[in-house]
Amino acid sequence: MSPPEEALSDAEVARATAAKEKHANRLMSDPAILGVGVGRSTDDRSQAALVIYVDKDVSSNPIPAQIDGVRTKVIRTDRFRAYGWGKQSEERPVCSRGPESKR
C-alpha cells in the first residue's frame, strides 16, 4: 500500500481557485461544459488543476492545456443528475422532524 499523497499547498489551491473564478463564466458559456472546479493535476501531482467536466455526448470548444498558468484536467462524463431527481417523498429520516412536530 502506498503512503497517502501530501495535500496541495494553500498557495497552489488559491492560484487555481483564482483562475477558476476568473474564467468559470466564460467556460460555462459552452453548452458542453457541465462544471468547473479545482483539483489535483494528473501529470504533476504537486500542482492544482482546473477540473473541467464536459458532456461526453456533446462536442465542446477546444480547452487549452493551461489557463493562466494553471493546468487543465478535462473529464468527459454523463450529465449530472441529483440523486432521487423528480421523486416526491414525504419520508423523513428519524433525525428529522416534520412541520407537525412540537416539543
PDB file of N, CA and C in Angstrom:
ATOM      1  N   MET A   1       0.846  -1.174   0.000  1.00  0.00           N
ATOM      2  CA  MET A   1       0.000   0.000   0.000  1.00  0.00           C
ATOM      3  C   MET A   1       0.894   1.240   0.000  1.00  0.00           C
ATOM      4  N   SER A   2       0.585   2.177  -0.893  1.00  0.00           N
ATOM      5  CA  SER A   2       1.406   3.383  -0.971  1.00  0.00           C
ATOM      6  C   SER A   2       0.945   4.406   0.074  1.00  0.00           C
ATOM      7  N   PRO A   3       1.875   5.242   0.524  1.00  0.00           N
ATOM      8  CA  PRO A   3       1.504   6.256   1.521  1.00  0.00           C
ATOM      9  C   PRO A   3       0.547   7.273   0.915  1.00  0.00           C
ATOM     10  N   PRO A   4      -0.265   7.928   1.738  1.00  0.00           N
ATOM     11  CA  PRO A   4      -1.195   8.931   1.196  1.00  0.00           C
ATOM     12  C   PRO A   4      -0.441  10.109   0.594  1.00  0.00           C
ATOM     13  N   GLU A   5      -1.054  10.724  -0.401  1.00  0.00           N
ATOM     14  CA  GLU A   5      -0.427  11.874  -1.040  1.00  0.00           C
ATOM     15  C   GLU A   5      -0.452  13.079  -0.113  1.00  0.00           C
ATOM     16  N   GLU A   6       0.566  13.882  -0.235  1.00  0.00           N
ATOM     17  CA  GLU A   6       0.624  15.127   0.521  1.00  0.00           C
ATOM     18  C   GLU A   6      -0.423  16.086  -0.055  1.00  0.00           C
ATOM     19  N   ALA A   7      -1.074  16.833   0.792  1.00  0.00           N
ATOM     20  CA  ALA A   7      -2.088  17.788   0.345  1.00  0.00           C
ATOM     21  C   ALA A   7      -1.445  18.886  -0.500  1.00  0.00           C
ATOM     22  N   LEU A   8      -2.222  19.425  -1.412  1.00  0.00           N
ATOM     23  CA  LEU A   8      -1.747  20.570  -2.180  1.00  0.00           C
ATOM     24  C   LEU A   8      -1.570  21.753  -1.243  1.00  0.00           C
ATOM     25  N   SER A   9      -0.594  22.591  -1.522  1.00  0.00           N
ATOM     26  CA  SER A   9      -0.363  23.759  -0.667  1.00  0.00           C
ATOM     27  C   SER A   9      -1.525  24.739  -0.798  1.00  0.00           C
ATOM     28  N   ASP A  10      -1.726  25.526   0.250  1.00  0.00           N
ATOM     29  CA  ASP A  10      -2.773  26.550   0.219  1.00  0.00           C
ATOM     30  C   ASP A  10      -2.538  27.523  -0.933  1.00  0.00           C
ATOM     31  N   ALA A  11      -1.286  27.877  -1.171  1.00  0.00           N
ATOM     32  CA  ALA A  11      -0.953  28.812  -2.250  1.00  0.00           C
ATOM     33  C   ALA A  11      -1.321  28.219  -3.615  1.00  0.00           C
ATOM     34  N   GLU A  12      -1.071  26.929  -3.786  1.00  0.00           N
ATOM     35  CA  GLU A  12      -1.374  26.268  -5.059  1.00  0.00           C
ATOM     36  C   GLU A  12      -2.888  26.221  -5.284  1.00  0.00           C
ATOM     37  N   VAL A  13      -3.641  25.899  -4.248  1.00  0.00           N
ATOM     38  CA  VAL A  13      -5.098  25.864  -4.363  1.00  0.00           C
ATOM     39  C   VAL A  13      -5.637  27.274  -4.627  1.00  0.00           C
ATOM     40  N   ALA A  14      -5.081  28.283  -3.956  1.00  0.00           N
ATOM     41  CA  ALA A  14      -5.519  29.672  -4.157  1.00  0.00           C
ATOM     42  C   ALA A  14      -5.244  30.128  -5.589  1.00  0.00           C
ATOM     43  N   ARG A  15      -4.099  29.739  -6.139  1.00  0.00           N
ATOM     44  CA  ARG A  15      -3.743  30.099  -7.516  1.00  0.00           C
ATOM     45  C   ARG A  15      -4.750  29.507  -8.500  1.00  0.00           C
ATOM     46  N   ALA A  16      -5.096  28.238  -8.309  1.00  0.00           N
ATOM     47  CA  ALA A  16      -6.060  27.581  -9.200  1.00  0.00           C
ATOM     48  C   ALA A  16      -7.470  28.140  -8.993  1.00  0.00           C
ATOM     49  N   THR A  17      -7.827  28.441  -7.757  1.00  0.00           N
ATOM     50  CA  THR A  17      -9.145  28.996  -7.466  1.00  0.00           C
ATOM     51  C   THR A  17      -9.315  30.370  -8.114  1.00  0.00           C
ATOM     52  N   ALA A  18      -8.269  31.170  -8.087  1.00  0.00           N
ATOM     53  CA  ALA A  18      -8.327  32.490  -8.732  1.00  0.00           C
ATOM     54  C   ALA A  18      -8.562  32.341 -10.233  1.00  0.00           C
ATOM     55  N   ALA A  19      -7.885  31.390 -10.863  1.00  0.00           N
ATOM     56  CA  ALA A  19      -8.079  31.160 -12.300  1.00  0.00           C
ATOM     57  C   ALA A  19      -9.489  30.652 -12.569  1.00  0.00           C
ATOM     58  N   LYS A  20      -9.983  29.777 -11.705  1.00  0.00           N
ATOM     59  CA  LYS A  20     -11.348  29.261 -11.866  1.00  0.00           C
ATOM     60  C   LYS A  20     -12.364  30.400 -11.786  1.00  0.00           C
ATOM     61  N   GLU A  21     -12.239  31.233 -10.771  1.00  0.00           N
ATOM     62  CA  GLU A  21     -13.188  32.331 -10.592  1.00  0.00           C
ATOM     63  C   GLU A  21     -13.138  33.318 -11.758  1.00  0.00           C
ATOM     64  N   LYS A  22     -11.962  33.518 -12.299  1.00  0.00           N
ATOM     65  CA  LYS A  22     -11.801  34.447 -13.418  1.00  0.00           C
ATOM     66  C   LYS A  22     -12.410  33.901 -14.711  1.00  0.00           C
ATOM     67  N   HIS A  23     -12.323  32.585 -14.925  1.00  0.00           N
ATOM     68  CA  HIS A  23     -12.689  32.015 -16.222  1.00  0.00           C
ATOM     69  C   HIS A  23     -13.930  31.126 -16.217  1.00  0.00           C
ATOM     70  N   ALA A  24     -14.513  30.848 -15.064  1.00  0.00           N
ATOM     71  CA  ALA A  24     -15.636  29.897 -14.989  1.00  0.00           C
ATOM     72  C   ALA A  24     -16.825  30.347 -15.844  1.00  0.00           C
ATOM     73  N   ASN A  25     -17.210  31.601 -15.780  1.00  0.00           N
ATOM     74  CA  ASN A  25     -18.371  32.053 -16.560  1.00  0.00           C
ATOM     75  C   ASN A  25     -18.148  31.870 -18.052  1.00  0.00           C
ATOM     76  N   ARG A  26     -16.949  32.204 -18.526  1.00  0.00           N
ATOM     77  CA  ARG A  26     -16.654  32.032 -19.956  1.00  0.00           C
ATOM     78  C   ARG A  26     -16.681  30.554 -20.328  1.00  0.00           C
ATOM     79  N   LEU A  27     -16.061  29.718 -19.509  1.00  0.00           N
ATOM     80  CA  LEU A  27     -16.051  28.279 -19.793  1.00  0.00           C
ATOM     81  C   LEU A  27     -17.469  27.715 -19.784  1.00  0.00           C
ATOM     82  N   MET A  28     -18.271  28.122 -18.795  1.00  0.00           N
ATOM     83  CA  MET A  28     -19.630  27.597 -18.657  1.00  0.00           C
ATOM     84  C   MET A  28     -20.566  28.093 -19.752  1.00  0.00           C
ATOM     85  N   SER A  29     -20.150  29.087 -20.535  1.00  0.00           N
ATOM     86  CA  SER A  29     -20.990  29.548 -21.644  1.00  0.00           C
ATOM     87  C   SER A  29     -21.002  28.525 -22.786  1.00  0.00           C
ATOM     88  N   ASP A  30     -20.070  27.582 -22.770  1.00  0.00           N
ATOM     89  CA  ASP A  30     -20.051  26.486 -23.738  1.00  0.00           C
ATOM     90  C   ASP A  30     -21.071  25.450 -23.269  1.00  0.00           C
ATOM     91  N   PRO A  31     -22.111  25.156 -24.075  1.00  0.00           N
ATOM     92  CA  PRO A  31     -23.157  24.220 -23.635  1.00  0.00           C
ATOM     93  C   PRO A  31     -22.645  22.825 -23.290  1.00  0.00           C
ATOM     94  N   ALA A  32     -21.478  22.453 -23.770  1.00  0.00           N
ATOM     95  CA  ALA A  32     -20.938  21.123 -23.473  1.00  0.00           C
ATOM     96  C   ALA A  32     -20.302  21.052 -22.095  1.00  0.00           C
ATOM     97  N   ILE A  33     -19.961  22.194 -21.515  1.00  0.00           N
ATOM     98  CA  ILE A  33     -19.286  22.195 -20.216  1.00  0.00           C
ATOM     99  C   ILE A  33     -20.325  22.159 -19.110  1.00  0.00           C
ATOM    100  N   LEU A  34     -20.206  21.140 -18.253  1.00  0.00           N
ATOM    101  CA  LEU A  34     -21.171  20.906 -17.176  1.00  0.00           C
ATOM    102  C   LEU A  34     -20.750  21.541 -15.860  1.00  0.00           C
ATOM    103  N   GLY A  35     -19.447  21.697 -15.646  1.00  0.00           N
ATOM    104  CA  GLY A  35     -18.979  22.260 -14.399  1.00  0.00           C
ATOM    105  C   GLY A  35     -17.485  22.524 -14.438  1.00  0.00           C
ATOM    106  N   VAL A  36     -17.048  23.405 -13.537  1.00  0.00           N
ATOM    107  CA  VAL A  36     -15.635  23.757 -13.424  1.00  0.00           C
ATOM    108  C   VAL A  36     -15.280  23.731 -11.948  1.00  0.00           C
ATOM    109  N   GLY A  37     -14.179  23.081 -11.613  1.00  0.00           N
ATOM    110  CA  GLY A  37     -13.746  23.018 -10.221  1.00  0.00           C
ATOM    111  C   GLY A  37     -12.237  23.061 -10.129  1.00  0.00           C
ATOM    112  N   VAL A  38     -11.736  22.811  -8.929  1.00  0.00           N
ATOM    113  CA  VAL A  38     -10.294  22.782  -8.680  1.00  0.00           C
ATOM    114  C   VAL A  38      -9.956  21.406  -8.114  1.00  0.00           C
ATOM    115  N   GLY A  39      -8.904  20.809  -8.641  1.00  0.00           N
ATOM    116  CA  GLY A  39      -8.462  19.501  -8.167  1.00  0.00           C
ATOM    117  C   GLY A  39      -6.969  19.345  -8.367  1.00  0.00           C
ATOM    118  N   ARG A  40      -6.493  18.119  -8.274  1.00  0.00           N
ATOM    119  CA  ARG A  40      -5.073  17.814  -8.428  1.00  0.00           C
ATOM    120  C   ARG A  40      -4.776  17.499  -9.894  1.00  0.00           C
ATOM    121  N   SER A  41      -3.679  18.019 -10.398  1.00  0.00           N
ATOM    122  CA  SER A  41      -3.246  17.735 -11.764  1.00  0.00           C
ATOM    123  C   SER A  41      -2.893  16.257 -11.897  1.00  0.00           C
ATOM    124  N   THR A  42      -3.206  15.700 -13.049  1.00  0.00           N
ATOM    125  CA  THR A  42      -2.887  14.291 -13.296  1.00  0.00           C
ATOM    126  C   THR A  42      -1.415  14.106 -13.634  1.00  0.00           C
ATOM    127  N   ASP A  43      -0.837  15.038 -14.405  1.00  0.00           N
ATOM    128  CA  ASP A  43       0.540  14.852 -14.861  1.00  0.00           C
ATOM    129  C   ASP A  43       1.593  15.434 -13.930  1.00  0.00           C
ATOM    130  N   ASP A  44       1.218  16.296 -13.002  1.00  0.00           N
ATOM    131  CA  ASP A  44       2.146  16.765 -11.960  1.00  0.00           C
ATOM    132  C   ASP A  44       1.336  16.854 -10.669  1.00  0.00           C
ATOM    133  N   ARG A  45       1.396  15.809  -9.871  1.00  0.00           N
ATOM    134  CA  ARG A  45       0.545  15.655  -8.693  1.00  0.00           C
ATOM    135  C   ARG A  45       0.810  16.709  -7.614  1.00  0.00           C
ATOM    136  N   SER A  46       1.876  17.493  -7.766  1.00  0.00           N
ATOM    137  CA  SER A  46       2.157  18.549  -6.793  1.00  0.00           C
ATOM    138  C   SER A  46       1.450  19.855  -7.154  1.00  0.00           C
ATOM    139  N   GLN A  47       0.799  19.869  -8.324  1.00  0.00           N
ATOM    140  CA  GLN A  47       0.144  21.097  -8.781  1.00  0.00           C
ATOM    141  C   GLN A  47      -1.371  20.918  -8.852  1.00  0.00           C
ATOM    142  N   ALA A  48      -2.059  22.025  -8.648  1.00  0.00           N
ATOM    143  CA  ALA A  48      -3.512  22.041  -8.785  1.00  0.00           C
ATOM    144  C   ALA A  48      -3.866  22.154 -10.263  1.00  0.00           C
ATOM    145  N   ALA A  49      -5.112  21.866 -10.568  1.00  0.00           N
ATOM    146  CA  ALA A  49      -5.603  21.970 -11.942  1.00  0.00           C
ATOM    147  C   ALA A  49      -7.035  22.475 -11.918  1.00  0.00           C
ATOM    148  N   LEU A  50      -7.429  23.129 -13.012  1.00  0.00           N
ATOM    149  CA  LEU A  50      -8.835  23.414 -13.225  1.00  0.00           C
ATOM    150  C   LEU A  50      -9.449  22.128 -13.758  1.00  0.00           C
ATOM    151  N   VAL A  51     -10.414  21.592 -13.054  1.00  0.00           N
ATOM    152  CA  VAL A  51     -11.088  20.375 -13.485  1.00  0.00           C
ATOM    153  C   VAL A  51     -12.341  20.813 -14.239  1.00  0.00           C
ATOM    154  N   ILE A  52     -12.413  20.428 -15.500  1.00  0.00           N
ATOM    155  CA  ILE A  52     -13.494  20.864 -16.371  1.00  0.00           C
ATOM    156  C   ILE A  52     -14.282  19.624 -16.798  1.00  0.00           C
ATOM    157  N   TYR A  53     -15.543  19.579 -16.360  1.00  0.00           N
ATOM    158  CA  TYR A  53     -16.420  18.451 -16.668  1.00  0.00           C
ATOM    159  C   TYR A  53     -17.166  18.761 -17.963  1.00  0.00           C
ATOM    160  N   VAL A  54     -17.011  17.863 -18.950  1.00  0.00           N
ATOM    161  CA  VAL A  54     -17.567  18.068 -20.277  1.00  0.00           C
ATOM    162  C   VAL A  54     -18.529  16.933 -20.592  1.00  0.00           C
ATOM    163  N   ASP A  55     -19.708  17.286 -21.118  1.00  0.00           N
ATOM    164  CA  ASP A  55     -20.705  16.291 -21.531  1.00  0.00           C
ATOM    165  C   ASP A  55     -20.074  15.403 -22.602  1.00  0.00           C
ATOM    166  N   LYS A  56     -20.036  14.119 -22.339  1.00  0.00           N
ATOM    167  CA  LYS A  56     -19.373  13.197 -23.267  1.00  0.00           C
ATOM    168  C   LYS A  56     -20.113  13.039 -24.594  1.00  0.00           C
ATOM    169  N   ASP A  57     -21.373  13.462 -24.639  1.00  0.00           N
ATOM    170  CA  ASP A  57     -22.168  13.322 -25.857  1.00  0.00           C
ATOM    171  C   ASP A  57     -22.262  14.602 -26.681  1.00  0.00           C
ATOM    172  N   VAL A  58     -21.565  15.653 -26.250  1.00  0.00           N
ATOM    173  CA  VAL A  58     -21.645  16.953 -26.935  1.00  0.00           C
ATOM    174  C   VAL A  58     -20.227  17.421 -27.249  1.00  0.00           C
ATOM    175  N   SER A  59     -20.024  17.928 -28.465  1.00  0.00           N
ATOM    176  CA  SER A  59     -18.690  18.439 -28.796  1.00  0.00           C
ATOM    177  C   SER A  59     -18.515  19.812 -28.158  1.00  0.00           C
ATOM    178  N   SER A  60     -17.321  20.053 -27.652  1.00  0.00           N
ATOM    179  CA  SER A  60     -17.041  21.321 -26.967  1.00  0.00           C
ATOM    180  C   SER A  60     -16.007  22.116 -27.739  1.00  0.00           C
ATOM    181  N   ASN A  61     -15.907  23.388 -27.383  1.00  0.00           N
ATOM    182  CA  ASN A  61     -14.821  24.204 -27.911  1.00  0.00           C
ATOM    183  C   ASN A  61     -13.512  23.638 -27.375  1.00  0.00           C
ATOM    184  N   PRO A  62     -12.402  23.870 -28.062  1.00  0.00           N
ATOM    185  CA  PRO A  62     -11.114  23.375 -27.556  1.00  0.00           C
ATOM    186  C   PRO A  62     -10.815  23.947 -26.163  1.00  0.00           C
ATOM    187  N   ILE A  63     -10.280  23.105 -25.295  1.00  0.00           N
ATOM    188  CA  ILE A  63      -9.895  23.535 -23.949  1.00  0.00           C
ATOM    189  C   ILE A  63      -8.374  23.518 -23.892  1.00  0.00           C
ATOM    190  N   PRO A  64      -7.754  24.650 -23.572  1.00  0.00           N
ATOM    191  CA  PRO A  64      -6.284  24.704 -23.559  1.00  0.00           C
ATOM    192  C   PRO A  64      -5.701  23.838 -22.451  1.00  0.00           C
ATOM    193  N   ALA A  65      -4.444  23.464 -22.615  1.00  0.00           N
ATOM    194  CA  ALA A  65      -3.746  22.644 -21.608  1.00  0.00           C
ATOM    195  C   ALA A  65      -3.522  23.422 -20.319  1.00  0.00           C
ATOM    196  N   GLN A  66      -3.465  24.748 -20.414  1.00  0.00           N
ATOM    197  CA  GLN A  66      -3.311  25.614 -19.242  1.00  0.00           C
ATOM    198  C   GLN A  66      -4.156  26.862 -19.419  1.00  0.00           C
ATOM    199  N   ILE A  67      -4.659  27.369 -18.304  1.00  0.00           N
ATOM    200  CA  ILE A  67      -5.380  28.642 -18.285  1.00  0.00           C
ATOM    201  C   ILE A  67      -4.741  29.483 -17.193  1.00  0.00           C
ATOM    202  N   ASP A  68      -4.225  30.637 -17.547  1.00  0.00           N
ATOM    203  CA  ASP A  68      -3.495  31.500 -16.613  1.00  0.00           C
ATOM    204  C   ASP A  68      -2.400  30.731 -15.870  1.00  0.00           C
ATOM    205  N   GLY A  69      -1.727  29.839 -16.573  1.00  0.00           N
ATOM    206  CA  GLY A  69      -0.629  29.079 -15.984  1.00  0.00           C
ATOM    207  C   GLY A  69      -1.067  27.910 -15.115  1.00  0.00           C
ATOM    208  N   VAL A  70      -2.371  27.657 -15.030  1.00  0.00           N
ATOM    209  CA  VAL A  70      -2.888  26.533 -14.247  1.00  0.00           C
ATOM    210  C   VAL A  70      -3.266  25.419 -15.217  1.00  0.00           C
ATOM    211  N   ARG A  71      -2.788  24.220 -14.947  1.00  0.00           N
ATOM    212  CA  ARG A  71      -3.099  23.080 -15.809  1.00  0.00           C
ATOM    213  C   ARG A  71      -4.608  22.836 -15.846  1.00  0.00           C
ATOM    214  N   THR A  72      -5.087  22.254 -16.946  1.00  0.00           N
ATOM    215  CA  THR A  72      -6.487  21.860 -17.023  1.00  0.00           C
ATOM    216  C   THR A  72      -6.572  20.338 -17.047  1.00  0.00           C
ATOM    217  N   LYS A  73      -7.631  19.846 -16.464  1.00  0.00           N
ATOM    218  CA  LYS A  73      -7.902  18.407 -16.409  1.00  0.00           C
ATOM    219  C   LYS A  73      -9.332  18.240 -16.901  1.00  0.00           C
ATOM    220  N   VAL A  74      -9.502  17.665 -18.088  1.00  0.00           N
ATOM    221  CA  VAL A  74     -10.818  17.524 -18.696  1.00  0.00           C
ATOM    222  C   VAL A  74     -11.361  16.138 -18.370  1.00  0.00           C
ATOM    223  N   ILE A  75     -12.579  16.122 -17.840  1.00  0.00           N
ATOM    224  CA  ILE A  75     -13.252  14.858 -17.531  1.00  0.00           C
ATOM    225  C   ILE A  75     -14.524  14.805 -18.366  1.00  0.00           C
ATOM    226  N   ARG A  76     -14.550  13.890 -19.321  1.00  0.00           N
ATOM    227  CA  ARG A  76     -15.740  13.690 -20.150  1.00  0.00           C
ATOM    228  C   ARG A  76     -16.667  12.749 -19.392  1.00  0.00           C
ATOM    229  N   THR A  77     -17.921  13.159 -19.233  1.00  0.00           N
ATOM    230  CA  THR A  77     -18.830  12.426 -18.364  1.00  0.00           C
ATOM    231  C   THR A  77     -20.269  12.554 -18.839  1.00  0.00           C
ATOM    232  N   ASP A  78     -21.149  11.785 -18.214  1.00  0.00           N
ATOM    233  CA  ASP A  78     -22.587  11.944 -18.440  1.00  0.00           C
ATOM    234  C   ASP A  78     -23.027  13.240 -17.777  1.00  0.00           C
ATOM    235  N   ARG A  79     -24.196  13.739 -18.159  1.00  0.00           N
ATOM    236  CA  ARG A  79     -24.765  14.912 -17.494  1.00  0.00           C
ATOM    237  C   ARG A  79     -24.999  14.579 -16.033  1.00  0.00           C
ATOM    238  N   PHE A  80     -24.880  15.573 -15.172  1.00  0.00           N
ATOM    239  CA  PHE A  80     -25.073  15.374 -13.742  1.00  0.00           C
ATOM    240  C   PHE A  80     -26.568  15.219 -13.448  1.00  0.00           C
ATOM    241  N   ARG A  81     -26.870  14.370 -12.482  1.00  0.00           N
ATOM    242  CA  ARG A  81     -28.239  14.207 -12.011  1.00  0.00           C
ATOM    243  C   ARG A  81     -28.207  14.146 -10.498  1.00  0.00           C
ATOM    244  N   ALA A  82     -29.129  14.841  -9.883  1.00  0.00           N
ATOM    245  CA  ALA A  82     -29.240  14.764  -8.428  1.00  0.00           C
ATOM    246  C   ALA A  82     -29.838  13.416  -8.062  1.00  0.00           C
ATOM    247  N   TYR A  83     -29.376  12.830  -6.984  1.00  0.00           N
ATOM    248  CA  TYR A  83     -29.917  11.557  -6.543  1.00  0.00           C
ATOM    249  C   TYR A  83     -31.394  11.725  -6.227  1.00  0.00           C
ATOM    250  N   GLY A  84     -32.235  10.849  -6.757  1.00  0.00           N
ATOM    251  CA  GLY A  84     -33.659  10.909  -6.496  1.00  0.00           C
ATOM    252  C   GLY A  84     -34.377  12.014  -7.241  1.00  0.00           C
ATOM    253  N   TRP A  85     -33.734  12.576  -8.275  1.00  0.00           N
ATOM    254  CA  TRP A  85     -34.309  13.695  -9.018  1.00  0.00           C
ATOM    255  C   TRP A  85     -35.710  13.337  -9.513  1.00  0.00           C
ATOM    256  N   GLY A  86     -36.658  14.233  -9.280  1.00  0.00           N
ATOM    257  CA  GLY A  86     -38.007  14.053  -9.783  1.00  0.00           C
ATOM    258  C   GLY A  86     -38.886  13.181  -8.912  1.00  0.00           C
ATOM    259  N   LYS A  87     -38.372  12.661  -7.824  1.00  0.00           N
ATOM    260  CA  LYS A  87     -39.161  11.806  -6.940  1.00  0.00           C
ATOM    261  C   LYS A  87     -39.655  12.631  -5.761  1.00  0.00           C
ATOM    262  N   GLN A  88     -40.912  12.499  -5.464  1.00  0.00           N
ATOM    263  CA  GLN A  88     -41.504  13.164  -4.306  1.00  0.00           C
ATOM    264  C   GLN A  88     -41.534  12.158  -3.159  1.00  0.00           C
ATOM    265  N   SER A  89     -41.139  12.592  -2.007  1.00  0.00           N
ATOM    266  CA  SER A  89     -41.154  11.702  -0.856  1.00  0.00           C
ATOM    267  C   SER A  89     -41.461  12.498   0.390  1.00  0.00           C
ATOM    268  N   GLU A  90     -42.320  11.982   1.186  1.00  0.00           N
ATOM    269  CA  GLU A  90     -42.635  12.605   2.465  1.00  0.00           C
ATOM    270  C   GLU A  90     -41.925  11.893   3.607  1.00  0.00           C
ATOM    271  N   GLU A  91     -41.227  10.806   3.292  1.00  0.00           N
ATOM    272  CA  GLU A  91     -40.490  10.100   4.340  1.00  0.00           C
ATOM    273  C   GLU A  91     -39.381  10.988   4.855  1.00  0.00           C
ATOM    274  N   ARG A  92     -39.218  11.004   6.149  1.00  0.00           N
ATOM    275  CA  ARG A  92     -38.162  11.804   6.755  1.00  0.00           C
ATOM    276  C   ARG A  92     -37.266  10.871   7.555  1.00  0.00           C
ATOM    277  N   PRO A  93     -35.981  11.160   7.569  1.00  0.00           N
ATOM    278  CA  PRO A  93     -35.095  10.360   8.408  1.00  0.00           C
ATOM    279  C   PRO A  93     -35.515  10.494   9.872  1.00  0.00           C
ATOM    280  N   VAL A  94     -35.162   9.524  10.659  1.00  0.00           N
ATOM    281  CA  VAL A  94     -35.513   9.519  12.074  1.00  0.00           C
ATOM    282  C   VAL A  94     -35.029  10.780  12.771  1.00  0.00           C
ATOM    283  N   CYS A  95     -33.926  11.357  12.324  1.00  0.00           N
ATOM    284  CA  CYS A  95     -33.356  12.536  12.979  1.00  0.00           C
ATOM    285  C   CYS A  95     -33.988  13.837  12.510  1.00  0.00           C
ATOM    286  N   SER A  96     -35.022  13.775  11.661  1.00  0.00           N
ATOM    287  CA  SER A  96     -35.649  14.974  11.129  1.00  0.00           C
ATOM    288  C   SER A  96     -37.093  15.071  11.609  1.00  0.00           C
ATOM    289  N   ARG A  97     -37.520  16.265  11.968  1.00  0.00           N
ATOM    290  CA  ARG A  97     -38.904  16.481  12.390  1.00  0.00           C
ATOM    291  C   ARG A  97     -39.675  17.141  11.260  1.00  0.00           C
ATOM    292  N   GLY A  98     -40.900  16.723  11.098  1.00  0.00           N
ATOM    293  CA  GLY A  98     -41.778  17.368  10.145  1.00  0.00           C
ATOM    294  C   GLY A  98     -42.385  18.625  10.742  1.00  0.00           C
ATOM    295  N   PRO A  99     -43.097  19.408   9.954  1.00  0.00           N
ATOM    296  CA  PRO A  99     -43.673  20.654  10.448  1.00  0.00           C
ATOM    297  C   PRO A  99     -44.700  20.433  11.560  1.00  0.00           C
ATOM    298  N   GLU A 100     -45.295  19.232  11.644  1.00  0.00           N
ATOM    299  CA  GLU A 100     -46.285  18.959  12.662  1.00  0.00           C
ATOM    300  C   GLU A 100     -45.684  18.633  14.018  1.00  0.00           C
ATOM    301  N   SER A 101     -44.372  18.410  14.084  1.00  0.00           N
ATOM    302  CA  SER A 101     -43.711  18.062  15.350  1.00  0.00           C
ATOM    303  C   SER A 101     -43.682  19.236  16.285  1.00  0.00           C
ATOM    304  N   LYS A 102     -43.977  18.986  17.564  1.00  0.00           N
ATOM    305  CA  LYS A 102     -43.910  20.030  18.588  1.00  0.00           C
ATOM    306  C   LYS A 102     -43.119  19.495  19.763  1.00  0.00           C
ATOM    307  N   ARG A 103     -42.466  20.372  20.469  1.00  0.00           N
ATOM    308  CA  ARG A 103     -41.701  19.987  21.657  1.00  0.00           C
ATOM    309  C   ARG A 103     -42.490  20.224  22.874  1.00  0.00           C
TER     310      ARG A 103
END
